[in-house]
Amino acid sequence: MVKEAKYSLIKKLNNVEIRLYNSLIIAKVDGYGDAGFNLLFNYITDNNTRKATLEMTSPVISQNIEMTAPVLSEKDSIAFVIPEEYTLETTSKPTDEQIKIQQLPKRYVARARSLEKE
């Protein structure tokens, strides 16, 4: 079972939930498409400075960033949320320099719920 980042449910609008997430620590890879998932998976399974295994947490965050000219980087990014018991200071550092540890500010997120019965 994948642990889910904590949030407060603000409102339900038909099949959409408005959620408030507190600040989150993420491990992020930019510009590697599907290969980014594998880099992050290796990081949480022990490819880090402490050789520690971190729990898989949802949501997995991915985004496509619009391409601009000149092209300075790839357009895809993917990130895993670090379990809440870690801080920016206590999160094990990646041994792969392609992985960046970042803190996201508190934010509102809209999530579409499945239209099928749960």
C-alpha atoms as a PDB file:
ATOM      1  CA  MET A   1       0.000   0.000   0.000  1.00  0.00           C
ATOM      2  CA  VAL A   2       1.283   3.464  -0.910  1.00  0.00           C
ATOM      3  CA  LYS A   3       1.224   6.097   1.815  1.00  0.00           C
ATOM      4  CA  GLU A   4      -0.641   9.269   0.805  1.00  0.00           C
ATOM      5  CA  ALA A   5       0.520  12.784   1.641  1.00  0.00           C
ATOM      6  CA  LYS A   6      -1.788  14.369   4.233  1.00  0.00           C
ATOM      7  CA  TYR A   7      -4.245  17.010   3.117  1.00  0.00           C
ATOM      8  CA  SER A   8      -7.384  18.769   4.314  1.00  0.00           C
ATOM      9  CA  LEU A   9     -10.488  18.340   2.193  1.00  0.00           C
ATOM     10  CA  ILE A  10     -11.776  21.862   1.602  1.00  0.00           C
ATOM     11  CA  LYS A  11     -14.744  21.192  -0.677  1.00  0.00           C
ATOM     12  CA  LYS A  12     -16.324  18.633  -3.000  1.00  0.00           C
ATOM     13  CA  LEU A  13     -17.745  19.876  -6.301  1.00  0.00           C
ATOM     14  CA  ASN A  14     -19.387  17.000  -8.180  1.00  0.00           C
ATOM     15  CA  ASN A  15     -16.431  14.710  -8.991  1.00  0.00           C
ATOM     16  CA  VAL A  16     -13.724  17.232  -7.989  1.00  0.00           C
ATOM     17  CA  GLU A  17     -12.133  17.600  -4.569  1.00  0.00           C
ATOM     18  CA  ILE A  18     -10.432  20.817  -3.491  1.00  0.00           C
ATOM     19  CA  ARG A  19      -7.573  19.850  -1.170  1.00  0.00           C
ATOM     20  CA  LEU A  20      -5.119  21.847   0.899  1.00  0.00           C
ATOM     21  CA  TYR A  21      -1.679  20.246   1.202  1.00  0.00           C
ATOM     22  CA  ASN A  22       0.778  21.560   3.771  1.00  0.00           C
ATOM     23  CA  SER A  23       4.343  22.170   2.685  1.00  0.00           C
ATOM     24  CA  LEU A  24       5.823  19.029   1.080  1.00  0.00           C
ATOM     25  CA  ILE A  25       9.385  17.808   0.592  1.00  0.00           C
ATOM     26  CA  ILE A  26       9.885  16.254  -2.843  1.00  0.00           C
ATOM     27  CA  ALA A  27      12.596  14.415  -4.743  1.00  0.00           C
ATOM     28  CA  LYS A  28      12.401  15.719  -8.324  1.00  0.00           C
ATOM     29  CA  VAL A  29      13.932  14.861 -11.693  1.00  0.00           C
ATOM     30  CA  ASP A  30      13.648  17.234 -14.662  1.00  0.00           C
ATOM     31  CA  GLY A  31      13.924  16.300 -18.311  1.00  0.00           C
ATOM     32  CA  TYR A  32      14.088  12.510 -18.263  1.00  0.00           C
ATOM     33  CA  GLY A  33      10.526  11.492 -19.142  1.00  0.00           C
ATOM     34  CA  ASP A  34       9.728   7.927 -18.069  1.00  0.00           C
ATOM     35  CA  ALA A  35      13.359   7.327 -17.074  1.00  0.00           C
ATOM     36  CA  GLY A  36      12.849   9.895 -14.305  1.00  0.00           C
ATOM     37  CA  PHE A  37      10.537   7.464 -12.500  1.00  0.00           C
ATOM     38  CA  ASN A  38      13.282   4.845 -12.417  1.00  0.00           C
ATOM     39  CA  LEU A  39      15.832   7.351 -11.098  1.00  0.00           C
ATOM     40  CA  LEU A  40      13.454   8.316  -8.275  1.00  0.00           C
ATOM     41  CA  PHE A  41      12.546   4.702  -7.519  1.00  0.00           C
ATOM     42  CA  ASN A  42      16.249   3.854  -7.196  1.00  0.00           C
ATOM     43  CA  TYR A  43      16.656   6.838  -4.864  1.00  0.00           C
ATOM     44  CA  ILE A  44      13.901   5.697  -2.470  1.00  0.00           C
ATOM     45  CA  THR A  45      15.061   2.064  -2.513  1.00  0.00           C
ATOM     46  CA  ASP A  46      18.618   2.895  -1.305  1.00  0.00           C
ATOM     47  CA  ASN A  47      20.477   4.940  -3.927  1.00  0.00           C
ATOM     48  CA  ASN A  48      21.022   7.747  -1.412  1.00  0.00           C
ATOM     49  CA  THR A  49      23.751   8.819   1.004  1.00  0.00           C
ATOM     50  CA  ARG A  50      22.292   6.861   3.938  1.00  0.00           C
ATOM     51  CA  LYS A  51      21.482   3.752   1.900  1.00  0.00           C
ATOM     52  CA  ALA A  52      18.019   4.133   3.448  1.00  0.00           C
ATOM     53  CA  THR A  53      14.736   2.861   2.025  1.00  0.00           C
ATOM     54  CA  LEU A  54      11.932   5.442   1.977  1.00  0.00           C
ATOM     55  CA  GLU A  55       8.243   4.554   1.744  1.00  0.00           C
ATOM     56  CA  MET A  56       6.593   5.125  -1.621  1.00  0.00           C
ATOM     57  CA  THR A  57       4.208   8.062  -1.169  1.00  0.00           C
ATOM     58  CA  SER A  58       1.458   9.425  -3.380  1.00  0.00           C
ATOM     59  CA  PRO A  59       0.794  11.542  -5.230  1.00  0.00           C
ATOM     60  CA  VAL A  60       3.577  11.123  -7.751  1.00  0.00           C
ATOM     61  CA  ILE A  61       3.812  14.595  -9.244  1.00  0.00           C
ATOM     62  CA  SER A  62       4.468  15.027 -12.930  1.00  0.00           C
ATOM     63  CA  GLN A  63       4.174  18.005 -15.167  1.00  0.00           C
ATOM     64  CA  ASN A  64       4.754  19.066 -18.692  1.00  0.00           C
ATOM     65  CA  ILE A  65       6.250  22.495 -18.988  1.00  0.00           C
ATOM     66  CA  GLU A  66       5.613  24.399 -22.185  1.00  0.00           C
ATOM     67  CA  MET A  67       8.630  24.486 -24.467  1.00  0.00           C
ATOM     68  CA  THR A  68      10.145  27.906 -25.040  1.00  0.00           C
ATOM     69  CA  ALA A  69      12.857  29.194 -27.350  1.00  0.00           C
ATOM     70  CA  PRO A  70      15.722  28.890 -26.927  1.00  0.00           C
ATOM     71  CA  VAL A  71      15.424  25.394 -25.484  1.00  0.00           C
ATOM     72  CA  LEU A  72      17.434  25.297 -22.267  1.00  0.00           C
ATOM     73  CA  SER A  73      16.178  22.013 -20.831  1.00  0.00           C
ATOM     74  CA  GLU A  74      13.865  19.090 -21.457  1.00  0.00           C
ATOM     75  CA  LYS A  75      10.169  19.636 -20.840  1.00  0.00           C
ATOM     76  CA  ASP A  76       9.185  16.826 -18.452  1.00  0.00           C
ATOM     77  CA  SER A  77       9.557  16.509 -14.703  1.00  0.00           C
ATOM     78  CA  ILE A  78       8.500  13.924 -12.169  1.00  0.00           C
ATOM     79  CA  ALA A  79       8.662  14.015  -8.378  1.00  0.00           C
ATOM     80  CA  PHE A  80       8.020  11.729  -5.426  1.00  0.00           C
ATOM     81  CA  VAL A  81       6.681  13.166  -2.181  1.00  0.00           C
ATOM     82  CA  ILE A  82       9.010  12.378   0.733  1.00  0.00           C
ATOM     83  CA  PRO A  83       7.229  10.843   3.784  1.00  0.00           C
ATOM     84  CA  GLU A  84       6.067  13.494   6.259  1.00  0.00           C
ATOM     85  CA  GLU A  85       8.395  12.412   9.078  1.00  0.00           C
ATOM     86  CA  TYR A  86      11.339  13.860   7.132  1.00  0.00           C
ATOM     87  CA  THR A  87      12.377  17.498   6.862  1.00  0.00           C
ATOM     88  CA  LEU A  88      14.520  19.194   4.247  1.00  0.00           C
ATOM     89  CA  GLU A  89      17.475  18.712   6.603  1.00  0.00           C
ATOM     90  CA  THR A  90      16.820  15.051   7.524  1.00  0.00           C
ATOM     91  CA  THR A  91      15.940  13.722   4.063  1.00  0.00           C
ATOM     92  CA  SER A  92      18.709  11.459   2.790  1.00  0.00           C
ATOM     93  CA  LYS A  93      20.623  13.122  -0.023  1.00  0.00           C
ATOM     94  CA  PRO A  94      20.536  11.515  -3.484  1.00  0.00           C
ATOM     95  CA  THR A  95      23.741  10.008  -4.815  1.00  0.00           C
ATOM     96  CA  ASP A  96      22.549  10.818  -8.350  1.00  0.00           C
ATOM     97  CA  GLU A  97      22.968  14.527  -9.126  1.00  0.00           C
ATOM     98  CA  GLN A  98      19.970  14.419 -11.502  1.00  0.00           C
ATOM     99  CA  ILE A  99      17.688  14.166  -8.438  1.00  0.00           C
ATOM    100  CA  LYS A 100      16.956  17.393  -6.567  1.00  0.00           C
ATOM    101  CA  ILE A 101      15.379  17.653  -3.110  1.00  0.00           C
ATOM    102  CA  GLN A 102      12.986  20.607  -2.833  1.00  0.00           C
ATOM    103  CA  GLN A 103      10.361  21.970  -0.492  1.00  0.00           C
ATOM    104  CA  LEU A 104       7.014  22.974  -1.967  1.00  0.00           C
ATOM    105  CA  PRO A 105       4.941  25.627  -0.181  1.00  0.00           C
ATOM    106  CA  LYS A 106       1.461  24.961   1.168  1.00  0.00           C
ATOM    107  CA  ARG A 107      -0.931  24.802  -1.779  1.00  0.00           C
ATOM    108  CA  TYR A 108      -4.486  24.154  -2.912  1.00  0.00           C
ATOM    109  CA  VAL A 109      -4.961  21.317  -5.397  1.00  0.00           C
ATOM    110  CA  ALA A 110      -8.022  20.245  -7.384  1.00  0.00           C
ATOM    111  CA  ARG A 111      -8.310  16.472  -7.833  1.00  0.00           C
ATOM    112  CA  ALA A 112     -10.839  14.763 -10.080  1.00  0.00           C
ATOM    113  CA  ARG A 113     -12.300  11.719  -8.359  1.00  0.00           C
ATOM    114  CA  SER A 114     -13.096   8.582 -10.281  1.00  0.00           C
ATOM    115  CA  LEU A 115     -16.559   8.566 -11.797  1.00  0.00           C
ATOM    116  CA  GLU A 116     -16.838   4.859 -10.993  1.00  0.00           C
ATOM    117  CA  LYS A 117     -18.209   3.727  -7.647  1.00  0.00           C
ATOM    118  CA  GLU A 118     -15.458   3.434  -5.066  1.00  0.00           C
END
